[in-house]
Each structure stands twice: as structure tokens, then as C-alpha cells.
C-alpha atoms as a PDB file:
ATOM      1  CA  MET A   1     157.443  26.273 183.001  1.00  0.00           C
ATOM      2  CA  VAL A   2     156.703  29.247 180.752  1.00  0.00           C
ATOM      3  CA  ALA A   3     154.938  32.244 182.238  1.00  0.00           C
ATOM      4  CA  ARG A   4     151.837  33.254 180.284  1.00  0.00           C
ATOM      5  CA  ARG A   5     150.211  36.609 180.101  1.00  0.00           C
ATOM      6  CA  GLY A   6     146.737  36.879 181.555  1.00  0.00           C
ATOM      7  CA  VAL A   7     145.152  37.734 178.198  1.00  0.00           C
ATOM      8  CA  SER A   8     141.631  36.404 177.791  1.00  0.00           C
ATOM      9  CA  THR A   9     140.093  35.022 174.647  1.00  0.00           C
ATOM     10  CA  LEU A  10     137.107  37.352 174.953  1.00  0.00           C
ATOM     11  CA  GLY A  11     138.069  39.171 171.742  1.00  0.00           C
ATOM     12  CA  CYS A  12     137.930  35.916 169.792  1.00  0.00           C
ATOM     13  CA  LEU A  13     134.598  35.028 171.401  1.00  0.00           C
ATOM     14  CA  ILE A  14     133.084  38.365 170.364  1.00  0.00           C
ATOM     15  CA  VAL A  15     134.205  37.881 166.772  1.00  0.00           C
ATOM     16  CA  ILE A  16     132.718  34.378 166.712  1.00  0.00           C
ATOM     17  CA  LEU A  17     129.411  35.653 168.158  1.00  0.00           C
ATOM     18  CA  LEU A  18     129.229  38.463 165.601  1.00  0.00           C
ATOM     19  CA  LEU A  19     129.962  36.032 162.799  1.00  0.00           C
ATOM     20  CA  ALA A  20     127.278  33.631 164.047  1.00  0.00           C
ATOM     21  CA  ALA A  21     124.744  36.487 164.258  1.00  0.00           C
ATOM     22  CA  CYS A  22     125.533  37.563 160.684  1.00  0.00           C
ATOM     23  CA  VAL A  23     125.099  34.000 159.414  1.00  0.00           C
ATOM     24  CA  TYR A  24     121.818  33.650 161.330  1.00  0.00           C
ATOM     25  CA  PHE A  25     120.320  36.831 159.855  1.00  0.00           C
ATOM     26  CA  ALA A  26     121.696  36.210 156.368  1.00  0.00           C
ATOM     27  CA  PHE A  27     120.009  32.809 156.363  1.00  0.00           C
ATOM     28  CA  GLY A  28     116.528  34.384 156.320  1.00  0.00           C
ATOM     29  CA  PHE A  29     117.410  36.634 153.394  1.00  0.00           C
ATOM     30  CA  GLY A  30     119.224  33.857 151.545  1.00  0.00           C
ATOM     31  CA  GLU A  31     116.279  31.517 151.950  1.00  0.00           C
ATOM     32  CA  ALA A  32     113.868  34.094 150.491  1.00  0.00           C
ATOM     33  CA  TYR A  33     116.125  34.776 147.500  1.00  0.00           C
ATOM     34  CA  PHE A  34     116.668  31.047 146.905  1.00  0.00           C
ATOM     35  CA  ARG A  35     112.899  30.420 146.881  1.00  0.00           C
ATOM     36  CA  ALA A  36     112.498  33.319 144.431  1.00  0.00           C
ATOM     37  CA  TYR A  37     115.178  31.768 142.209  1.00  0.00           C
ATOM     38  CA  GLN A  38     113.418  28.381 142.290  1.00  0.00           C
ATOM     39  CA  PHE A  39     110.082  30.010 141.451  1.00  0.00           C
ATOM     40  CA  LYS A  40     111.573  31.952 138.533  1.00  0.00           C
ATOM     41  CA  ASP A  41     113.165  28.734 137.277  1.00  0.00           C
ATOM     42  CA  ALA A  42     109.737  27.039 137.299  1.00  0.00           C
ATOM     43  CA  ILE A  43     108.280  30.024 135.434  1.00  0.00           C
ATOM     44  CA  ARG A  44     111.088  29.803 132.862  1.00  0.00           C
ATOM     45  CA  SER A  45     110.479  26.084 132.394  1.00  0.00           C
ATOM     46  CA  ASP A  46     106.746  26.559 131.827  1.00  0.00           C
ATOM     47  CA  ALA A  47     107.355  29.493 129.480  1.00  0.00           C
ATOM     48  CA  GLU A  48     109.699  27.407 127.341  1.00  0.00           C
ATOM     49  CA  PHE A  49     107.012  24.733 126.901  1.00  0.00           C
ATOM     50  CA  ALA A  50     104.172  27.251 126.506  1.00  0.00           C
ATOM     51  CA  SER A  51     103.484  26.218 122.928  1.00  0.00           C
ATOM     52  CA  THR A  52     102.183  22.873 124.229  1.00  0.00           C
ATOM     53  CA  LEU A  53     100.510  24.170 127.409  1.00  0.00           C
ATOM     54  CA  THR A  54      97.366  26.204 127.935  1.00  0.00           C
ATOM     55  CA  ASP A  55      97.344  29.306 130.100  1.00  0.00           C
ATOM     56  CA  ALA A  56      95.181  27.493 132.659  1.00  0.00           C
ATOM     57  CA  LYS A  57      97.696  24.635 132.954  1.00  0.00           C
ATOM     58  CA  ILE A  58     100.598  27.052 133.344  1.00  0.00           C
ATOM     59  CA  THR A  59      98.729  29.042 135.985  1.00  0.00           C
ATOM     60  CA  SER A  60      97.686  25.986 137.986  1.00  0.00           C
ATOM     61  CA  HIS A  61     101.173  24.464 137.844  1.00  0.00           C
ATOM     62  CA  LEU A  62     102.877  27.669 138.938  1.00  0.00           C
ATOM     63  CA  ALA A  63     100.330  28.156 141.735  1.00  0.00           C
ATOM     64  CA  ALA A  64     101.181  24.653 142.960  1.00  0.00           C
ATOM     65  CA  VAL A  65     104.914  25.439 142.776  1.00  0.00           C
ATOM     66  CA  ALA A  66     104.401  28.673 144.729  1.00  0.00           C
ATOM     67  CA  ASP A  67     102.483  26.745 147.382  1.00  0.00           C
ATOM     68  CA  SER A  68     105.123  24.013 147.632  1.00  0.00           C
ATOM     69  CA  LEU A  69     107.854  26.655 148.041  1.00  0.00           C
ATOM     70  CA  HIS A  70     105.809  28.275 150.852  1.00  0.00           C
ATOM     71  CA  LEU A  71     105.615  31.581 149.013  1.00  0.00           C
ATOM     72  CA  PRO A  72     102.981  34.153 150.002  1.00  0.00           C
ATOM     73  CA  PRO A  73      99.514  33.578 148.474  1.00  0.00           C
ATOM     74  CA  GLU A  74      99.859  36.525 146.089  1.00  0.00           C
ATOM     75  CA  ALA A  75     102.714  34.687 144.323  1.00  0.00           C
ATOM     76  CA  ALA A  76     100.070  32.376 142.854  1.00  0.00           C
ATOM     77  CA  ASP A  77      98.567  35.324 140.945  1.00  0.00           C
ATOM     78  CA  ILE A  78     100.231  34.600 137.622  1.00  0.00           C
ATOM     79  CA  THR A  79      99.996  36.998 134.679  1.00  0.00           C
ATOM     80  CA  ILE A  80     100.365  35.467 131.222  1.00  0.00           C
ATOM     81  CA  THR A  81     100.572  37.544 128.058  1.00  0.00           C
ATOM     82  CA  ARG A  82     100.831  35.861 124.669  1.00  0.00           C
ATOM     83  CA  SER A  83     101.656  37.466 121.362  1.00  0.00           C
ATOM     84  CA  GLN A  84     102.188  35.789 118.011  1.00  0.00           C
ATOM     85  CA  ARG A  85     105.812  34.928 118.744  1.00  0.00           C
ATOM     86  CA  THR A  86     106.387  35.376 122.479  1.00  0.00           C
ATOM     87  CA  ILE A  87     104.891  34.624 125.850  1.00  0.00           C
ATOM     88  CA  THR A  88     105.491  36.621 129.012  1.00  0.00           C
ATOM     89  CA  VAL A  89     104.810  35.015 132.372  1.00  0.00           C
ATOM     90  CA  SER A  90     105.107  37.063 135.554  1.00  0.00           C
ATOM     91  CA  SER A  91     104.148  37.220 139.198  1.00  0.00           C
ATOM     92  CA  ASP A  92     104.386  39.833 141.911  1.00  0.00           C
ATOM     93  CA  TYR A  93     104.759  39.211 145.656  1.00  0.00           C
ATOM     94  CA  ASP A  94     106.401  40.374 148.875  1.00  0.00           C
ATOM     95  CA  GLU A  95     108.379  38.269 151.360  1.00  0.00           C
ATOM     96  CA  VAL A  96     108.544  39.390 154.983  1.00  0.00           C
ATOM     97  CA  ILE A  97     111.779  38.624 156.834  1.00  0.00           C
ATOM     98  CA  THR A  98     111.577  38.725 160.630  1.00  0.00           C
ATOM     99  CA  LEU A  99     114.511  40.478 162.274  1.00  0.00           C
ATOM    100  CA  PRO A 100     115.396  40.744 165.955  1.00  0.00           C
ATOM    101  CA  PHE A 101     113.652  43.227 168.244  1.00  0.00           C
ATOM    102  CA  ARG A 102     110.310  42.679 166.475  1.00  0.00           C
ATOM    103  CA  LYS A 103     111.436  44.320 163.276  1.00  0.00           C
ATOM    104  CA  GLU A 104     110.496  43.140 159.818  1.00  0.00           C
ATOM    105  CA  LYS A 105     112.011  43.673 156.398  1.00  0.00           C
ATOM    106  CA  VAL A 106     109.805  43.410 153.321  1.00  0.00           C
ATOM    107  CA  ILE A 107     111.454  42.242 150.102  1.00  0.00           C
ATOM    108  CA  HIS A 108     109.561  42.708 146.844  1.00  0.00           C
ATOM    109  CA  PHE A 109     109.952  40.079 144.111  1.00  0.00           C
ATOM    110  CA  HIS A 110     108.693  40.443 140.542  1.00  0.00           C
ATOM    111  CA  PRO A 111     109.817  37.438 138.485  1.00  0.00           C
ATOM    112  CA  VAL A 112     109.251  37.965 134.754  1.00  0.00           C
ATOM    113  CA  VAL A 113     110.152  35.522 132.006  1.00  0.00           C
ATOM    114  CA  GLU A 114     109.739  36.097 128.302  1.00  0.00           C
ATOM    115  CA  ALA A 115     110.148  33.174 125.898  1.00  0.00           C
ATOM    116  CA  SER A 116     109.529  32.593 122.233  1.00  0.00           C
ATOM    117  CA  LEU A 117     106.701  30.344 121.111  1.00  0.00           C
END
């Protein structure tokens, strides 16, 4: 029989707990940025087909997308600016990420897409 040292695996357990905590907190931030990416992709899609869509249709579609992504209500406030050759579609909203110990982090998103008509 081989004699073993009385070393505990507490060091490994602490590393695993720290890693799990980092993943847990990063998930909230990652989810907010992924929703912002999906929303900007929807804006880009509508801007590319803007020559066949009215401003009212673009606004109502993007408001529905913002609602389905569970974005804050101010994300549905869409600004559309048309010129002779381009269209600019934008929104402006804040996401609140809840952190431990009753702390919150506010992330500001301002997706802007410019496309040619």
C-alpha cells in the first residue's frame, strides 16, 4: 500500500467555484449582447428591403421584434431617416443586468443601420 499525503482538494474546488461564478455572471451580459445582435440583425434586414416597405411597416415590425426578444419598451422607439439614396434606421435603449448583492449594471445599446435604397 502506498502512503498518501493528506492534501485536500479544496484548492481545486475553489477554482471550480470561481469558474462557475464567472460563467453565471457572464451569462447575463452575454444574453443582453446576443439580444442586441439579434435586434440589429432585424434592423439590417428591414433596412435592406426599405425600398419596398413603408416607414410604418418597418416601425411596427421592429417593435414586434423588440417585444419578442424581451427588450425594454424604449427599444420599440424606432427612428427612420430617409434620403434620396439611403435609409438610416436606429433605436436607443438600456438593458439592466442584475448582479449579486443587489447591484445592477446598466448597458446602453444604440443600434444604427444605414443602407442604400
